[in-house]
Amino acid sequence: MMKSRRSFLKISGACLLGLGVKPVLNAFAQAERMEIAPNPNALRAGRWALVVDITKCRDDCTDCINACNRAHNIPDLGRTKEEVKWIWNESYEHAFPGVEHEFVEERVKHQPFMVLCNHCDNPPCVRVCPVQATWKREDGIVMMDFHRCIGCRCCMAACPYGSRSFNWTDPRPYIPEGRMNPDFPTRTKGVVEKCNFCVERLAKGLQPACVESCSSGVLTFGDLDDPNSEVRKVLGERYSIQRKPELGTRPRVYYIL
């Protein structure tokens, strides 16, 4: 998406302002980020990762997207420009720019690719946030603190995957009736949000909602640091690619074509 010069300067100014107050806010961030008593049944990993086997994905299936929307109270605004999305479909051309060519297999060329936050090992979004509203956990999951977010959108400008959404309006009235999940917080106007690898479900010993909803075995979620994990087994047996690896962000979402 192209940004106008005016909007770019506006975002840059907000970032610089934020950097000026960062030392003060860092102290508060360290004090307020309290640990929750661990659940003995919680799923744990050294580095979580997701493998998407596109060869098993059905073109007309949106079960993973629907499950994510229900689990996280994602609104249906009906306006593309203001759309809030944690998981969505992209064409091969847009998901993997620079690697497409005229001889790509027709199946791949026309198949929708499920995309989401890549929970990068080297996340640029974390570095630019002036108030530490986004950070990386020890298990590699890149998190968002909705209460701390000041809506400067520096993280959106820094993310090369377009994986973050901004709430231009109060999203709560647009959550479809009967679909409210009382166990997950709603957000307000002026807050950035994105996929969190379902940390709230991992804490209960459950797989991410998208993985659980997929009946075709497209998604494999597991610990990259465990050589015996299913995700390591799949990656060791099949050739996979990542989105924009040349940028050095080291994404932890892998695609089998």
Foldseek 3Di string as FASTA:
>chain_A
DDDDPVLVVQLVVVLVVLQVCQVVLVVVVVVPPDDDPFDPLFADAQAKFKEFELVLDDQPDDQLQVLVCLVAVQFDPVDVVQHFGAKDWDAPCLQAPPPDDPPPDPCNRPGTDIDGDLLFPAQQLQVRQSNNQWDADSRSFIDGNQVRQQLSCPSCVRDPRNRKGAAQAARNVRRDPPRHDPVHDGHGHSGMDYDRQPSVQSSVNHGRSSCVRDPRNRMDMDYPVDCPGPVVVVCVVAPWDHHPVVVVRHGRYIYGD
